[in-house]
Protein backbone atom coordinates (compact mmCIF):
# COMPACT_ATOMS: atom_id res chain seq x y z
CA ARG A 1 -1.23 9.13 37.68
CA TRP A 2 -4.57 10.38 36.38
CA ALA A 3 -2.83 12.23 33.56
CA MET A 4 -1.09 9.05 32.42
CA THR A 5 -4.30 7.03 32.60
CA GLY A 6 -6.29 9.72 30.82
CA PHE A 7 -3.73 10.02 28.04
CA GLY A 8 -3.80 6.28 27.51
CA MET A 9 -7.58 6.40 27.19
CA ILE A 10 -7.38 9.16 24.59
CA VAL A 11 -4.86 7.25 22.50
CA GLU A 12 -6.63 3.91 22.75
CA TYR A 13 -10.26 4.98 22.30
CA LEU A 14 -10.75 8.56 21.16
CA TYR A 15 -8.01 8.39 18.54
CA SER A 16 -9.90 5.55 16.90
CA LEU A 17 -12.82 7.85 16.07
CA PRO A 18 -13.17 9.10 12.47
CA ILE A 19 -12.85 12.74 13.58
CA CYS A 20 -9.27 12.03 14.58
CA LYS A 21 -8.46 11.49 10.92
CA LEU A 22 -8.04 15.27 10.94
CA HIS A 23 -4.63 14.55 12.44
CA VAL A 24 -3.56 13.10 9.09
CA HIS A 25 -4.72 16.15 7.13
CA LEU A 26 -3.20 18.53 9.66
CA GLY A 27 0.13 16.71 9.57
CA ARG A 28 0.18 16.79 5.76
CA SER A 29 -0.57 20.53 5.72
CA LEU A 30 2.09 21.34 8.33
CA GLN A 31 4.68 19.33 6.42
CA GLN A 32 4.02 21.04 3.10
CA ARG A 33 3.66 24.57 4.45
CA GLY A 34 6.36 24.37 7.08
CA SER A 35 9.16 22.94 4.97
CA GLY A 36 7.91 23.41 1.43
CA ARG A 37 8.47 19.71 0.80
CA LYS A 38 5.84 17.06 0.25
CA TYR A 39 7.84 14.45 2.18
CA HIS A 40 9.84 15.01 5.33
CA SER A 41 12.67 12.60 4.45
CA ARG A 42 14.46 11.08 1.48
CA TYR A 43 12.89 7.89 0.23
CA LEU A 44 13.09 7.56 -3.56
CA ASP A 45 16.71 6.39 -3.74
CA ILE A 46 16.66 4.29 -0.56
CA ARG A 47 15.42 0.71 -0.34
CA THR A 48 16.19 -2.31 1.79
CA GLU A 49 16.92 -5.56 -0.03
CA LEU A 50 16.45 -9.03 1.46
CA SER A 51 17.55 -12.13 -0.45
CA PHE A 52 16.05 -15.61 -0.23
CA LYS A 53 15.52 -18.81 -2.21
CA ASP A 54 12.12 -20.19 -3.10
CA SER A 55 11.00 -23.80 -2.67
CA ASP A 56 12.66 -24.67 -5.99
CA GLY A 57 15.96 -23.14 -4.91
CA ARG A 58 15.68 -20.14 -7.22
CA PRO A 59 17.07 -16.86 -5.82
CA GLY A 60 14.72 -13.96 -5.23
CA ASN A 61 14.46 -10.67 -3.39
CA VAL A 62 12.13 -8.68 -1.17
CA TYR A 63 12.43 -4.90 -1.41
CA ILE A 64 11.20 -2.64 1.38
CA HIS A 65 10.62 1.08 0.91
CA ALA A 66 9.94 3.45 3.82
CA ILE A 67 7.49 6.12 2.64
CA PRO A 68 7.48 9.33 4.73
CA PHE A 69 4.26 11.24 5.31
CA MET A 70 2.81 13.87 7.65
CA THR A 71 5.61 15.49 9.67
CA ASP A 72 7.21 12.47 11.32
CA ASN A 73 5.50 9.28 10.22
CA TYR A 74 6.23 6.40 7.82
CA CYS A 75 4.48 3.56 6.08
CA TYR A 76 6.21 0.70 4.29
CA VAL A 77 5.89 -0.78 0.81
CA VAL A 78 6.99 -4.43 0.57
CA VAL A 79 7.75 -5.64 -2.97
CA ASP A 80 7.75 -9.30 -4.02
CA ALA A 81 10.70 -9.75 -6.39
CA SER A 82 10.74 -13.53 -6.24
CA ALA A 83 11.80 -15.43 -9.36
CA GLU A 84 8.20 -16.46 -10.02
CA SER A 85 6.84 -12.92 -9.74
CA LYS A 86 9.61 -11.38 -11.82
CA GLU A 87 9.07 -13.87 -14.63
CA ALA A 88 5.32 -13.20 -14.68
CA ALA A 89 5.78 -9.41 -14.57
CA LEU A 90 8.36 -9.42 -17.37
CA ALA A 91 6.17 -11.59 -19.56
CA GLY A 92 3.02 -9.50 -19.21
CA ARG A 93 4.35 -6.17 -17.91
CA THR A 94 1.80 -6.51 -15.11
CA GLY A 95 4.02 -5.11 -12.35
CA LEU A 96 5.58 -6.81 -9.36
CA PRO A 97 3.19 -7.67 -6.51
CA CYS A 98 3.47 -5.48 -3.42
CA CYS A 99 1.66 -4.56 -0.23
CA VAL A 100 1.65 -1.46 1.95
CA ILE A 101 1.85 -1.43 5.74
CA ASP A 102 -0.09 1.21 7.72
CA PRO A 103 -1.07 3.61 4.91
CA ALA A 104 -2.49 6.55 6.87
CA ASP A 105 -2.22 9.06 4.00
CA SER A 106 -3.41 7.46 0.78
CA GLY A 107 -2.54 10.48 -1.37
CA ALA A 108 1.07 10.67 -0.25
CA ILE A 109 1.47 6.92 -0.57
CA THR A 110 0.06 6.51 -4.08
CA SER A 111 2.09 9.48 -5.30
CA ALA A 112 5.32 8.19 -3.76
CA THR A 113 4.76 4.61 -4.90
CA THR A 114 4.08 5.78 -8.45
CA MET A 115 7.50 7.45 -8.44
CA LEU A 116 9.04 4.24 -7.09
CA CYS A 117 7.53 2.44 -10.09
CA GLU A 118 9.29 4.81 -12.45
CA LYS A 119 12.66 4.68 -10.73
CA HIS A 120 12.99 1.03 -9.71
CA TYR A 121 10.39 -1.15 -11.42
CA SER A 122 9.77 0.18 -14.94
CA ALA A 123 11.26 -2.98 -16.49
CA PHE A 124 8.48 -4.99 -14.84
CA GLY A 125 5.65 -2.62 -15.77
CA GLY A 126 5.60 -0.98 -12.33
CA LEU A 127 3.95 -2.40 -9.20
CA THR A 128 0.62 -4.02 -8.40
CA LEU A 129 -0.69 -3.21 -4.93
CA GLU A 130 -2.39 -6.43 -3.84
CA ALA A 131 -3.07 -5.78 -0.16
CA VAL A 132 -2.93 -3.45 2.81
CA LEU A 133 -1.48 -4.67 6.11
CA CYS A 134 -2.71 -2.67 9.09
CA THR A 135 -1.16 -3.18 12.52
CA HIS A 136 -4.09 -1.53 14.30
CA LYS A 137 -7.06 0.78 13.85
CA HIS A 138 -5.71 4.21 14.84
CA TRP A 139 -5.97 6.82 12.09
CA ASP A 140 -2.23 7.45 11.86
CA HIS A 141 -1.97 3.83 10.70
CA SER A 142 -5.28 3.13 8.94
CA GLY A 143 -6.46 6.53 7.71
CA GLY A 144 -5.91 5.74 4.02
CA ASN A 145 -7.57 2.31 3.94
CA TYR A 146 -10.98 3.36 2.63
CA ASN A 147 -9.50 5.66 0.00
CA LEU A 148 -7.19 2.93 -1.32
CA VAL A 149 -10.09 0.46 -1.53
CA ARG A 150 -12.17 3.05 -3.40
CA LEU A 151 -9.27 3.93 -5.70
CA ALA A 152 -8.80 0.24 -6.56
CA ALA A 153 -12.48 -0.03 -7.52
CA MET A 154 -12.35 3.17 -9.59
CA GLN A 155 -9.21 2.04 -11.39
CA ALA A 156 -10.78 -1.35 -12.16
CA ARG A 157 -13.85 0.32 -13.69
CA GLU A 158 -11.66 2.60 -15.80
CA LEU A 159 -9.54 -0.30 -17.06
CA GLU A 160 -12.70 -2.20 -17.93
CA ARG A 161 -14.07 0.79 -19.80
CA ARG A 162 -10.87 1.14 -21.81
CA SER A 163 -10.66 -2.55 -22.63
CA PRO A 164 -11.18 -3.31 -26.34
CA ASP A 165 -13.43 -6.22 -25.33
CA SER A 166 -15.73 -4.04 -23.25
CA SER A 167 -19.12 -3.03 -24.62
CA ARG A 168 -18.53 0.33 -22.93
CA ALA A 169 -15.18 0.93 -24.60
CA ASP A 170 -14.81 4.40 -26.11
CA PRO A 171 -14.42 3.96 -29.89
CA GLU A 172 -12.31 7.09 -29.99
CA ASP A 173 -9.70 5.53 -27.70
CA SER A 174 -6.71 4.72 -29.88
CA GLU A 175 -5.02 1.34 -29.78
CA GLU A 176 -2.02 3.04 -28.19
CA ASN A 177 -4.14 4.45 -25.35
CA GLN A 178 -5.58 1.03 -24.63
CA LYS A 179 -2.13 -0.42 -23.99
CA PRO A 180 -0.89 -0.37 -20.39
CA PRO A 181 1.68 2.37 -19.70
CA LEU A 182 5.31 1.37 -19.47
CA SER A 183 5.33 1.85 -15.71
CA ARG A 184 2.38 2.30 -13.39
CA LEU A 185 0.91 1.65 -10.00
CA LEU A 186 -1.98 -0.78 -10.37
CA LEU A 187 -4.30 -1.46 -7.43
CA LYS A 188 -5.79 -4.93 -7.41
CA HIS A 189 -9.57 -5.02 -7.07
CA PRO A 190 -11.02 -5.98 -4.70
CA LEU A 191 -8.15 -4.75 -2.56
CA LYS A 192 -7.58 -6.88 0.53
CA VAL A 193 -7.03 -5.22 3.91
CA PHE A 194 -5.49 -7.45 6.60
CA SER A 195 -5.65 -6.58 10.29
CA GLY A 196 -5.98 -8.20 13.71
CA LEU A 197 -8.98 -10.11 15.03
CA ASP A 198 -11.64 -7.88 16.60
CA GLU A 199 -9.47 -4.80 16.03
CA GLY A 200 -12.18 -2.92 14.15
CA THR A 201 -9.74 -1.59 11.56
CA PRO A 202 -11.38 0.56 8.87
CA ALA A 203 -12.09 -1.28 5.58
CA CYS A 204 -10.68 -4.56 6.93
CA THR A 205 -11.55 -7.52 4.70
CA ASP A 206 -9.40 -10.23 6.30
CA GLU A 207 -8.97 -10.52 10.07
CA VAL A 208 -5.97 -12.61 11.11
CA GLY A 209 -5.10 -14.12 14.47
CA HIS A 210 -1.79 -14.86 16.15
CA GLY A 211 0.22 -17.39 14.18
CA GLN A 212 -2.05 -17.30 11.14
CA HIS A 213 -0.33 -17.26 7.74
CA PHE A 214 -1.39 -15.53 4.53
CA GLU A 215 0.18 -14.94 1.13
CA ILE A 216 0.71 -11.81 -0.92
CA GLY A 217 2.20 -12.59 -4.30
CA ALA A 218 4.75 -15.32 -3.63
CA LEU A 219 5.54 -14.04 -0.12
CA LEU A 220 4.26 -15.78 3.01
CA PHE A 221 3.39 -13.58 6.01
CA GLU A 222 2.73 -14.57 9.62
CA ALA A 223 0.55 -12.55 11.98
CA ILE A 224 2.05 -11.98 15.43
CA ALA A 225 -0.12 -10.56 18.19
CA THR A 226 1.53 -7.86 20.31
CA PRO A 227 -1.12 -6.74 22.82
CA ALA A 228 -0.33 -3.55 24.72
């Protein structure tokens, strides 16, 4: 009985400490050295497709990609392929809106999602990561939050620097280099991080309670509390 209680305490409290982020790095190292592969499962050619109609009756889709990382874990990329978002992305090649759920390993996730852009979404200019959805604060779910927020800020500064309208634009940058690439992963800045009320999730910007709704792109999400 003590062992069960003690284990529960470790998972619930100690595993929330920053030092436990080492689990993410250890898992990544074991995966790469043990199998010689960056990802433990196939993912690039597999996606789940859900169909729906918007309020105007126009057909659209939601695509869900399971991204493997560490030795046995997954996060999920949810892509808004509604009629409204597809039209906007095709017109400006700005990428389809998407969000990522429980991104513990930011490096594995950005690398994998960039490859998804090339394979599935090049016609739309790639993907734009608009938000992170975190189910809870443990590092095997939230370990990549801070890095993604920082990467979004760094990418925004770089895009501003390369803009022809920026006073800091490099005059040696050619017109071709200033154009957006044909397919890319763009991180929206500031990047929103959604998580539960009073959860204490790293980098959380928007706490949501049970039954609360929020939008990402043209998709409407509902928070559902599942207390242990």
